[in-house]
C-alpha cells in the first residue's frame, strides 16, 4: 500500500487509536479515488517523485474527509485531487 494507517495518522496528527477503523476506511476510499483519477490499477509504474505527489493527494483527501466527515463537499474534493494529479493523469479518449 502506498500509504499505510500509521503514516496517515502521523500526517493527520492523530495520536490515539479510537478512529483507526474510520481513518483506514477513508484511506482505502481515497486510494481508490486516486487510482480512478489516474486510470491505473496500482502505483508501481510511477517514479519516486510521482509517488510523492500521489501520496500528497491521498494525504489531502483523507485529511479533508476526516475533518469534514459529516459534510464533505465531494465535488470540491474530487476537483482538488484531480488538480493535484493533473500532470500524472493518463489521457484516454
PDB file of N, CA and C in Angstrom:
ATOM      1  N   UNK A   1       0.854  -1.181   0.000  1.00  0.00           N
ATOM      2  CA  UNK A   1       0.000   0.000   0.000  1.00  0.00           C
ATOM      3  C   UNK A   1       0.895   1.239   0.000  1.00  0.00           C
ATOM      4  N   UNK A   2       0.542   2.217  -0.809  1.00  0.00           N
ATOM      5  CA  UNK A   2       1.366   3.409  -0.968  1.00  0.00           C
ATOM      6  C   UNK A   2       1.382   4.265   0.306  1.00  0.00           C
ATOM      7  N   UNK A   3       0.285   4.267   1.059  1.00  0.00           N
ATOM      8  CA  UNK A   3       0.191   4.963   2.351  1.00  0.00           C
ATOM      9  C   UNK A   3      -0.456   3.994   3.338  1.00  0.00           C
ATOM     10  N   UNK A   4       0.162   3.806   4.488  1.00  0.00           N
ATOM     11  CA  UNK A   4      -0.438   2.915   5.484  1.00  0.00           C
ATOM     12  C   UNK A   4      -1.084   3.724   6.607  1.00  0.00           C
ATOM     13  N   UNK A   5      -1.763   3.025   7.485  1.00  0.00           N
ATOM     14  CA  UNK A   5      -2.525   3.671   8.559  1.00  0.00           C
ATOM     15  C   UNK A   5      -1.644   4.531   9.455  1.00  0.00           C
ATOM     16  N   UNK A   6      -0.516   4.008   9.875  1.00  0.00           N
ATOM     17  CA  UNK A   6       0.362   4.764  10.781  1.00  0.00           C
ATOM     18  C   UNK A   6       0.905   6.028  10.119  1.00  0.00           C
ATOM     19  N   UNK A   7       1.221   5.929   8.840  1.00  0.00           N
ATOM     20  CA  UNK A   7       1.734   7.087   8.105  1.00  0.00           C
ATOM     21  C   UNK A   7       0.677   8.187   8.018  1.00  0.00           C
ATOM     22  N   UNK A   8      -0.549   7.830   7.660  1.00  0.00           N
ATOM     23  CA  UNK A   8      -1.597   8.844   7.540  1.00  0.00           C
ATOM     24  C   UNK A   8      -1.963   9.417   8.905  1.00  0.00           C
ATOM     25  N   UNK A   9      -1.938   8.592   9.957  1.00  0.00           N
ATOM     26  CA  UNK A   9      -2.224   9.112  11.297  1.00  0.00           C
ATOM     27  C   UNK A   9      -1.140  10.107  11.715  1.00  0.00           C
ATOM     28  N   UNK A  10       0.096   9.855  11.341  1.00  0.00           N
ATOM     29  CA  UNK A  10       1.182  10.780  11.643  1.00  0.00           C
ATOM     30  C   UNK A  10       0.979  12.109  10.915  1.00  0.00           C
ATOM     31  N   UNK A  11       0.606  12.041   9.649  1.00  0.00           N
ATOM     32  CA  UNK A  11       0.343  13.249   8.863  1.00  0.00           C
ATOM     33  C   UNK A  11      -0.826  14.035   9.466  1.00  0.00           C
ATOM     34  N   UNK A  12      -1.848  13.312   9.895  1.00  0.00           N
ATOM     35  CA  UNK A  12      -3.049  13.943  10.438  1.00  0.00           C
ATOM     36  C   UNK A  12      -2.908  14.336  11.907  1.00  0.00           C
ATOM     37  N   UNK A  13      -1.803  13.963  12.531  1.00  0.00           N
ATOM     38  CA  UNK A  13      -1.543  14.264  13.947  1.00  0.00           C
ATOM     39  C   UNK A  13      -2.581  13.606  14.865  1.00  0.00           C
ATOM     40  N   UNK A  14      -2.932  12.358  14.540  1.00  0.00           N
ATOM     41  CA  UNK A  14      -3.862  11.586  15.359  1.00  0.00           C
ATOM     42  C   UNK A  14      -3.031  10.648  16.225  1.00  0.00           C
ATOM     43  N   UNK A  15      -3.111  10.821  17.547  1.00  0.00           N
ATOM     44  CA  UNK A  15      -2.280  10.054  18.469  1.00  0.00           C
ATOM     45  C   UNK A  15      -2.964   8.817  19.044  1.00  0.00           C
ATOM     46  N   UNK A  16      -4.280   8.802  19.052  1.00  0.00           N
ATOM     47  CA  UNK A  16      -4.984   7.669  19.673  1.00  0.00           C
ATOM     48  C   UNK A  16      -5.446   6.678  18.608  1.00  0.00           C
ATOM     49  N   UNK A  17      -5.977   5.568  19.078  1.00  0.00           N
ATOM     50  CA  UNK A  17      -6.432   4.516  18.169  1.00  0.00           C
ATOM     51  C   UNK A  17      -7.954   4.463  18.041  1.00  0.00           C
ATOM     52  N   UNK A  18      -8.642   5.434  18.618  1.00  0.00           N
ATOM     53  CA  UNK A  18     -10.102   5.414  18.644  1.00  0.00           C
ATOM     54  C   UNK A  18     -10.736   5.416  17.252  1.00  0.00           C
ATOM     55  N   UNK A  19     -10.143   6.137  16.327  1.00  0.00           N
ATOM     56  CA  UNK A  19     -10.731   6.293  14.997  1.00  0.00           C
ATOM     57  C   UNK A  19      -9.990   5.505  13.920  1.00  0.00           C
ATOM     58  N   UNK A  20      -9.214   4.519  14.313  1.00  0.00           N
ATOM     59  CA  UNK A  20      -8.419   3.761  13.336  1.00  0.00           C
ATOM     60  C   UNK A  20      -9.274   3.161  12.227  1.00  0.00           C
ATOM     61  N   UNK A  21     -10.384   2.571  12.567  1.00  0.00           N
ATOM     62  CA  UNK A  21     -11.248   1.930  11.565  1.00  0.00           C
ATOM     63  C   UNK A  21     -11.786   2.974  10.583  1.00  0.00           C
ATOM     64  N   UNK A  22     -12.211   4.102  11.098  1.00  0.00           N
ATOM     65  CA  UNK A  22     -12.728   5.180  10.248  1.00  0.00           C
ATOM     66  C   UNK A  22     -11.631   5.710   9.329  1.00  0.00           C
ATOM     67  N   UNK A  23     -10.462   5.968   9.893  1.00  0.00           N
ATOM     68  CA  UNK A  23      -9.353   6.503   9.103  1.00  0.00           C
ATOM     69  C   UNK A  23      -8.931   5.498   8.035  1.00  0.00           C
ATOM     70  N   UNK A  24      -8.870   4.229   8.395  1.00  0.00           N
ATOM     71  CA  UNK A  24      -8.485   3.203   7.425  1.00  0.00           C
ATOM     72  C   UNK A  24      -9.505   3.100   6.293  1.00  0.00           C
ATOM     73  N   UNK A  25     -10.772   3.209   6.611  1.00  0.00           N
ATOM     74  CA  UNK A  25     -11.822   3.189   5.587  1.00  0.00           C
ATOM     75  C   UNK A  25     -11.683   4.384   4.648  1.00  0.00           C
ATOM     76  N   UNK A  26     -11.466   5.569   5.221  1.00  0.00           N
ATOM     77  CA  UNK A  26     -11.278   6.774   4.408  1.00  0.00           C
ATOM     78  C   UNK A  26     -10.023   6.662   3.547  1.00  0.00           C
ATOM     79  N   UNK A  27      -8.949   6.147   4.130  1.00  0.00           N
ATOM     80  CA  UNK A  27      -7.694   5.976   3.399  1.00  0.00           C
ATOM     81  C   UNK A  27      -7.895   5.058   2.191  1.00  0.00           C
ATOM     82  N   UNK A  28      -8.524   3.929   2.394  1.00  0.00           N
ATOM     83  CA  UNK A  28      -8.760   2.990   1.292  1.00  0.00           C
ATOM     84  C   UNK A  28      -9.657   3.599   0.216  1.00  0.00           C
ATOM     85  N   UNK A  29     -10.658   4.350   0.634  1.00  0.00           N
ATOM     86  CA  UNK A  29     -11.544   5.008  -0.334  1.00  0.00           C
ATOM     87  C   UNK A  29     -10.772   6.036  -1.157  1.00  0.00           C
ATOM     88  N   UNK A  30      -9.871   6.753  -0.517  1.00  0.00           N
ATOM     89  CA  UNK A  30      -9.117   7.782  -1.232  1.00  0.00           C
ATOM     90  C   UNK A  30      -8.027   7.200  -2.119  1.00  0.00           C
ATOM     91  N   UNK A  31      -7.464   6.078  -1.731  1.00  0.00           N
ATOM     92  CA  UNK A  31      -6.526   5.385  -2.621  1.00  0.00           C
ATOM     93  C   UNK A  31      -7.276   4.939  -3.874  1.00  0.00           C
ATOM     94  N   UNK A  32      -8.482   4.443  -3.701  1.00  0.00           N
ATOM     95  CA  UNK A  32      -9.307   4.052  -4.855  1.00  0.00           C
ATOM     96  C   UNK A  32      -9.662   5.259  -5.719  1.00  0.00           C
ATOM     97  N   UNK A  33      -9.968   6.379  -5.092  1.00  0.00           N
ATOM     98  CA  UNK A  33     -10.269   7.613  -5.825  1.00  0.00           C
ATOM     99  C   UNK A  33      -9.077   8.029  -6.679  1.00  0.00           C
ATOM    100  N   UNK A  34      -7.893   8.014  -6.091  1.00  0.00           N
ATOM    101  CA  UNK A  34      -6.683   8.406  -6.816  1.00  0.00           C
ATOM    102  C   UNK A  34      -6.411   7.443  -7.972  1.00  0.00           C
ATOM    103  N   UNK A  35      -6.568   6.160  -7.751  1.00  0.00           N
ATOM    104  CA  UNK A  35      -6.383   5.186  -8.829  1.00  0.00           C
ATOM    105  C   UNK A  35      -7.375   5.447  -9.960  1.00  0.00           C
ATOM    106  N   UNK A  36      -8.591   5.767  -9.602  1.00  0.00           N
ATOM    107  CA  UNK A  36      -9.615   6.049 -10.605  1.00  0.00           C
ATOM    108  C   UNK A  36      -9.261   7.299 -11.408  1.00  0.00           C
ATOM    109  N   UNK A  37      -8.838   8.330 -10.732  1.00  0.00           N
ATOM    110  CA  UNK A  37      -8.474   9.576 -11.417  1.00  0.00           C
ATOM    111  C   UNK A  37      -7.281   9.355 -12.344  1.00  0.00           C
ATOM    112  N   UNK A  38      -6.306   8.580 -11.884  1.00  0.00           N
ATOM    113  CA  UNK A  38      -5.114   8.313 -12.689  1.00  0.00           C
ATOM    114  C   UNK A  38      -5.328   7.211 -13.729  1.00  0.00           C
ATOM    115  N   UNK A  39      -6.462   6.513 -13.612  1.00  0.00           N
ATOM    116  CA  UNK A  39      -6.790   5.420 -14.530  1.00  0.00           C
ATOM    117  C   UNK A  39      -5.740   4.314 -14.482  1.00  0.00           C
ATOM    118  N   UNK A  40      -5.404   3.893 -13.259  1.00  0.00           N
ATOM    119  CA  UNK A  40      -4.420   2.824 -13.049  1.00  0.00           C
ATOM    120  C   UNK A  40      -4.955   1.824 -12.027  1.00  0.00           C
ATOM    121  N   UNK A  41      -4.348   0.642 -12.011  1.00  0.00           N
ATOM    122  CA  UNK A  41      -4.709  -0.384 -11.035  1.00  0.00           C
ATOM    123  C   UNK A  41      -3.749  -0.395  -9.848  1.00  0.00           C
ATOM    124  N   UNK A  42      -2.534   0.125 -10.061  1.00  0.00           N
ATOM    125  CA  UNK A  42      -1.550   0.215  -8.981  1.00  0.00           C
ATOM    126  C   UNK A  42      -0.598   1.373  -9.277  1.00  0.00           C
ATOM    127  N   UNK A  43       0.334   1.602  -8.370  1.00  0.00           N
ATOM    128  CA  UNK A  43       1.232   2.748  -8.496  1.00  0.00           C
ATOM    129  C   UNK A  43       2.662   2.320  -8.839  1.00  0.00           C
ATOM    130  N   UNK A  44       2.860   1.072  -9.237  1.00  0.00           N
ATOM    131  CA  UNK A  44       4.194   0.529  -9.487  1.00  0.00           C
ATOM    132  C   UNK A  44       4.955   1.268 -10.579  1.00  0.00           C
ATOM    133  N   UNK A  45       4.263   1.725 -11.598  1.00  0.00           N
ATOM    134  CA  UNK A  45       4.919   2.326 -12.762  1.00  0.00           C
ATOM    135  C   UNK A  45       5.415   3.760 -12.522  1.00  0.00           C
ATOM    136  N   UNK A  46       5.060   4.355 -11.422  1.00  0.00           N
ATOM    137  CA  UNK A  46       5.398   5.747 -11.169  1.00  0.00           C
ATOM    138  C   UNK A  46       6.773   5.895 -10.523  1.00  0.00           C
ATOM    139  N   UNK A  47       7.426   6.994 -10.833  1.00  0.00           N
ATOM    140  CA  UNK A  47       8.731   7.295 -10.236  1.00  0.00           C
ATOM    141  C   UNK A  47       8.545   7.714  -8.782  1.00  0.00           C
ATOM    142  N   UNK A  48       9.642   7.800  -8.053  1.00  0.00           N
ATOM    143  CA  UNK A  48       9.580   8.230  -6.650  1.00  0.00           C
ATOM    144  C   UNK A  48       9.003   9.638  -6.537  1.00  0.00           C
ATOM    145  N   UNK A  49       9.373  10.513  -7.460  1.00  0.00           N
ATOM    146  CA  UNK A  49       8.849  11.891  -7.464  1.00  0.00           C
ATOM    147  C   UNK A  49       7.341  11.886  -7.688  1.00  0.00           C
ATOM    148  N   UNK A  50       6.876  11.073  -8.625  1.00  0.00           N
ATOM    149  CA  UNK A  50       5.442  10.979  -8.902  1.00  0.00           C
ATOM    150  C   UNK A  50       4.693  10.368  -7.722  1.00  0.00           C
ATOM    151  N   UNK A  51       5.298   9.365  -7.096  1.00  0.00           N
ATOM    152  CA  UNK A  51       4.669   8.741  -5.928  1.00  0.00           C
ATOM    153  C   UNK A  51       4.528   9.737  -4.781  1.00  0.00           C
ATOM    154  N   UNK A  52       5.474  10.657  -4.644  1.00  0.00           N
ATOM    155  CA  UNK A  52       5.369  11.690  -3.614  1.00  0.00           C
ATOM    156  C   UNK A  52       4.148  12.576  -3.868  1.00  0.00           C
ATOM    157  N   UNK A  53       3.902  12.892  -5.119  1.00  0.00           N
ATOM    158  CA  UNK A  53       2.724  13.694  -5.477  1.00  0.00           C
ATOM    159  C   UNK A  53       1.444  12.905  -5.225  1.00  0.00           C
ATOM    160  N   UNK A  54       1.461  11.630  -5.556  1.00  0.00           N
ATOM    161  CA  UNK A  54       0.300  10.765  -5.307  1.00  0.00           C
ATOM    162  C   UNK A  54       0.017  10.690  -3.809  1.00  0.00           C
ATOM    163  N   UNK A  55       1.064  10.526  -3.009  1.00  0.00           N
ATOM    164  CA  UNK A  55       0.889  10.486  -1.553  1.00  0.00           C
ATOM    165  C   UNK A  55       0.287  11.795  -1.044  1.00  0.00           C
ATOM    166  N   UNK A  56       0.743  12.912  -1.585  1.00  0.00           N
ATOM    167  CA  UNK A  56       0.198  14.212  -1.175  1.00  0.00           C
ATOM    168  C   UNK A  56      -1.294  14.293  -1.446  1.00  0.00           C
ATOM    169  N   UNK A  57      -1.715  13.786  -2.590  1.00  0.00           N
ATOM    170  CA  UNK A  57      -3.143  13.784  -2.927  1.00  0.00           C
ATOM    171  C   UNK A  57      -3.924  12.905  -1.957  1.00  0.00           C
ATOM    172  N   UNK A  58      -3.356  11.760  -1.607  1.00  0.00           N
ATOM    173  CA  UNK A  58      -4.020  10.857  -0.662  1.00  0.00           C
ATOM    174  C   UNK A  58      -4.056  11.481   0.724  1.00  0.00           C
ATOM    175  N   UNK A  59      -2.964  12.109   1.139  1.00  0.00           N
ATOM    176  CA  UNK A  59      -2.934  12.801   2.437  1.00  0.00           C
ATOM    177  C   UNK A  59      -4.027  13.870   2.484  1.00  0.00           C
ATOM    178  N   UNK A  60      -4.085  14.689   1.426  1.00  0.00           N
ATOM    179  CA  UNK A  60      -5.072  15.765   1.382  1.00  0.00           C
ATOM    180  C   UNK A  60      -6.491  15.202   1.474  1.00  0.00           C
ATOM    181  N   UNK A  61      -6.789  14.231   0.618  1.00  0.00           N
ATOM    182  CA  UNK A  61      -8.149  13.706   0.546  1.00  0.00           C
ATOM    183  C   UNK A  61      -8.576  13.048   1.854  1.00  0.00           C
ATOM    184  N   UNK A  62      -7.689  12.287   2.454  1.00  0.00           N
ATOM    185  CA  UNK A  62      -8.031  11.592   3.697  1.00  0.00           C
ATOM    186  C   UNK A  62      -8.202  12.581   4.842  1.00  0.00           C
ATOM    187  N   UNK A  63      -7.320  13.546   4.929  1.00  0.00           N
ATOM    188  CA  UNK A  63      -7.432  14.559   5.977  1.00  0.00           C
ATOM    189  C   UNK A  63      -8.709  15.373   5.815  1.00  0.00           C
ATOM    190  N   UNK A  64      -9.008  15.775   4.577  1.00  0.00           N
ATOM    191  CA  UNK A  64     -10.220  16.548   4.309  1.00  0.00           C
ATOM    192  C   UNK A  64     -11.473  15.763   4.702  1.00  0.00           C
ATOM    193  N   UNK A  65     -11.547  14.514   4.274  1.00  0.00           N
ATOM    194  CA  UNK A  65     -12.742  13.712   4.571  1.00  0.00           C
ATOM    195  C   UNK A  65     -12.866  13.407   6.059  1.00  0.00           C
ATOM    196  N   UNK A  66     -11.760  13.299   6.756  1.00  0.00           N
ATOM    197  CA  UNK A  66     -11.799  13.068   8.205  1.00  0.00           C
ATOM    198  C   UNK A  66     -12.261  14.324   8.936  1.00  0.00           C
ATOM    199  N   UNK A  67     -11.725  15.457   8.534  1.00  0.00           N
ATOM    200  CA  UNK A  67     -12.095  16.725   9.179  1.00  0.00           C
ATOM    201  C   UNK A  67     -13.553  17.094   8.928  1.00  0.00           C
ATOM    202  N   UNK A  68     -14.058  16.806   7.752  1.00  0.00           N
ATOM    203  CA  UNK A  68     -15.430  17.155   7.371  1.00  0.00           C
ATOM    204  C   UNK A  68     -16.250  15.889   7.153  1.00  0.00           C
ATOM    205  N   UNK A  69     -16.114  14.957   8.078  1.00  0.00           N
ATOM    206  CA  UNK A  69     -16.699  13.626   7.912  1.00  0.00           C
ATOM    207  C   UNK A  69     -18.213  13.655   7.681  1.00  0.00           C
ATOM    208  N   UNK A  70     -18.898  14.613   8.250  1.00  0.00           N
ATOM    209  CA  UNK A  70     -20.354  14.667   8.115  1.00  0.00           C
ATOM    210  C   UNK A  70     -20.844  15.577   7.003  1.00  0.00           C
ATOM    211  N   UNK A  71     -19.949  16.406   6.472  1.00  0.00           N
ATOM    212  CA  UNK A  71     -20.408  17.340   5.446  1.00  0.00           C
ATOM    213  C   UNK A  71     -19.329  17.668   4.419  1.00  0.00           C
ATOM    214  N   UNK A  72     -18.570  16.673   4.003  1.00  0.00           N
ATOM    215  CA  UNK A  72     -17.532  16.881   2.993  1.00  0.00           C
ATOM    216  C   UNK A  72     -18.164  17.195   1.640  1.00  0.00           C
ATOM    217  N   UNK A  73     -17.612  18.169   0.970  1.00  0.00           N
ATOM    218  CA  UNK A  73     -18.051  18.522  -0.382  1.00  0.00           C
ATOM    219  C   UNK A  73     -17.264  17.634  -1.348  1.00  0.00           C
ATOM    220  N   UNK A  74     -17.886  16.565  -1.794  1.00  0.00           N
ATOM    221  CA  UNK A  74     -17.190  15.566  -2.597  1.00  0.00           C
ATOM    222  C   UNK A  74     -16.811  16.089  -3.985  1.00  0.00           C
ATOM    223  N   UNK A  75     -17.599  16.989  -4.535  1.00  0.00           N
ATOM    224  CA  UNK A  75     -17.243  17.583  -5.830  1.00  0.00           C
ATOM    225  C   UNK A  75     -15.975  18.425  -5.686  1.00  0.00           C
ATOM    226  N   UNK A  76     -15.905  19.204  -4.626  1.00  0.00           N
ATOM    227  CA  UNK A  76     -14.720  20.016  -4.368  1.00  0.00           C
ATOM    228  C   UNK A  76     -13.506  19.122  -4.111  1.00  0.00           C
ATOM    229  N   UNK A  77     -13.691  18.077  -3.322  1.00  0.00           N
ATOM    230  CA  UNK A  77     -12.609  17.145  -3.035  1.00  0.00           C
ATOM    231  C   UNK A  77     -12.074  16.539  -4.325  1.00  0.00           C
ATOM    232  N   UNK A  78     -12.955  16.019  -5.157  1.00  0.00           N
ATOM    233  CA  UNK A  78     -12.510  15.394  -6.403  1.00  0.00           C
ATOM    234  C   UNK A  78     -11.829  16.401  -7.324  1.00  0.00           C
ATOM    235  N   UNK A  79     -12.357  17.608  -7.390  1.00  0.00           N
ATOM    236  CA  UNK A  79     -11.734  18.651  -8.210  1.00  0.00           C
ATOM    237  C   UNK A  79     -10.308  18.929  -7.727  1.00  0.00           C
ATOM    238  N   UNK A  80     -10.138  19.070  -6.419  1.00  0.00           N
ATOM    239  CA  UNK A  80      -8.819  19.368  -5.872  1.00  0.00           C
ATOM    240  C   UNK A  80      -7.839  18.215  -6.074  1.00  0.00           C
ATOM    241  N   UNK A  81      -8.300  16.988  -5.896  1.00  0.00           N
ATOM    242  CA  UNK A  81      -7.424  15.832  -6.110  1.00  0.00           C
ATOM    243  C   UNK A  81      -7.051  15.736  -7.588  1.00  0.00           C
ATOM    244  N   UNK A  82      -8.000  15.968  -8.478  1.00  0.00           N
ATOM    245  CA  UNK A  82      -7.692  15.985  -9.915  1.00  0.00           C
ATOM    246  C   UNK A  82      -6.660  17.062 -10.233  1.00  0.00           C
ATOM    247  N   UNK A  83      -6.787  18.204  -9.606  1.00  0.00           N
ATOM    248  CA  UNK A  83      -5.838  19.298  -9.835  1.00  0.00           C
ATOM    249  C   UNK A  83      -4.434  18.919  -9.369  1.00  0.00           C
ATOM    250  N   UNK A  84      -4.345  18.275  -8.222  1.00  0.00           N
ATOM    251  CA  UNK A  84      -3.045  17.842  -7.707  1.00  0.00           C
ATOM    252  C   UNK A  84      -2.403  16.845  -8.662  1.00  0.00           C
ATOM    253  N   UNK A  85      -3.203  15.950  -9.216  1.00  0.00           N
ATOM    254  CA  UNK A  85      -2.691  14.842 -10.021  1.00  0.00           C
ATOM    255  C   UNK A  85      -2.706  15.108 -11.523  1.00  0.00           C
ATOM    256  N   UNK A  86      -3.090  16.284 -11.934  1.00  0.00           N
ATOM    257  CA  UNK A  86      -3.293  16.576 -13.348  1.00  0.00           C
ATOM    258  C   UNK A  86      -2.104  16.207 -14.225  1.00  0.00           C
ATOM    259  N   UNK A  87      -0.893  16.469 -13.785  1.00  0.00           N
ATOM    260  CA  UNK A  87       0.285  16.200 -14.615  1.00  0.00           C
ATOM    261  C   UNK A  87       0.574  14.706 -14.762  1.00  0.00           C
ATOM    262  N   UNK A  88       0.004  13.892 -13.886  1.00  0.00           N
ATOM    263  CA  UNK A  88       0.252  12.446 -13.941  1.00  0.00           C
ATOM    264  C   UNK A  88      -0.857  11.681 -14.638  1.00  0.00           C
ATOM    265  N   UNK A  89      -1.938  12.350 -14.903  1.00  0.00           N
ATOM    266  CA  UNK A  89      -3.122  11.677 -15.431  1.00  0.00           C
ATOM    267  C   UNK A  89      -2.917  11.260 -16.872  1.00  0.00           C
ATOM    268  N   UNK A  90      -3.197   9.992 -17.136  1.00  0.00           N
ATOM    269  CA  UNK A  90      -3.075   9.470 -18.496  1.00  0.00           C
ATOM    270  C   UNK A  90      -4.261   9.909 -19.316  1.00  0.00           C
ATOM    271  N   UNK A  91      -3.993  10.399 -20.499  1.00  0.00           N
ATOM    272  CA  UNK A  91      -5.054  10.851 -21.387  1.00  0.00           C
ATOM    273  C   UNK A  91      -5.601   9.659 -22.161  1.00  0.00           C
ATOM    274  N   UNK A  92      -6.915   9.487 -22.111  1.00  0.00           N
ATOM    275  CA  UNK A  92      -7.577   8.421 -22.862  1.00  0.00           C
ATOM    276  C   UNK A  92      -8.830   8.986 -23.510  1.00  0.00           C
ATOM    277  N   UNK A  93      -9.069   8.576 -24.716  1.00  0.00           N
ATOM    278  CA  UNK A  93     -10.259   9.000 -25.427  1.00  0.00           C
ATOM    279  C   UNK A  93     -11.096   7.809 -25.790  1.00  0.00           C
TER     280      UNK A  93
END
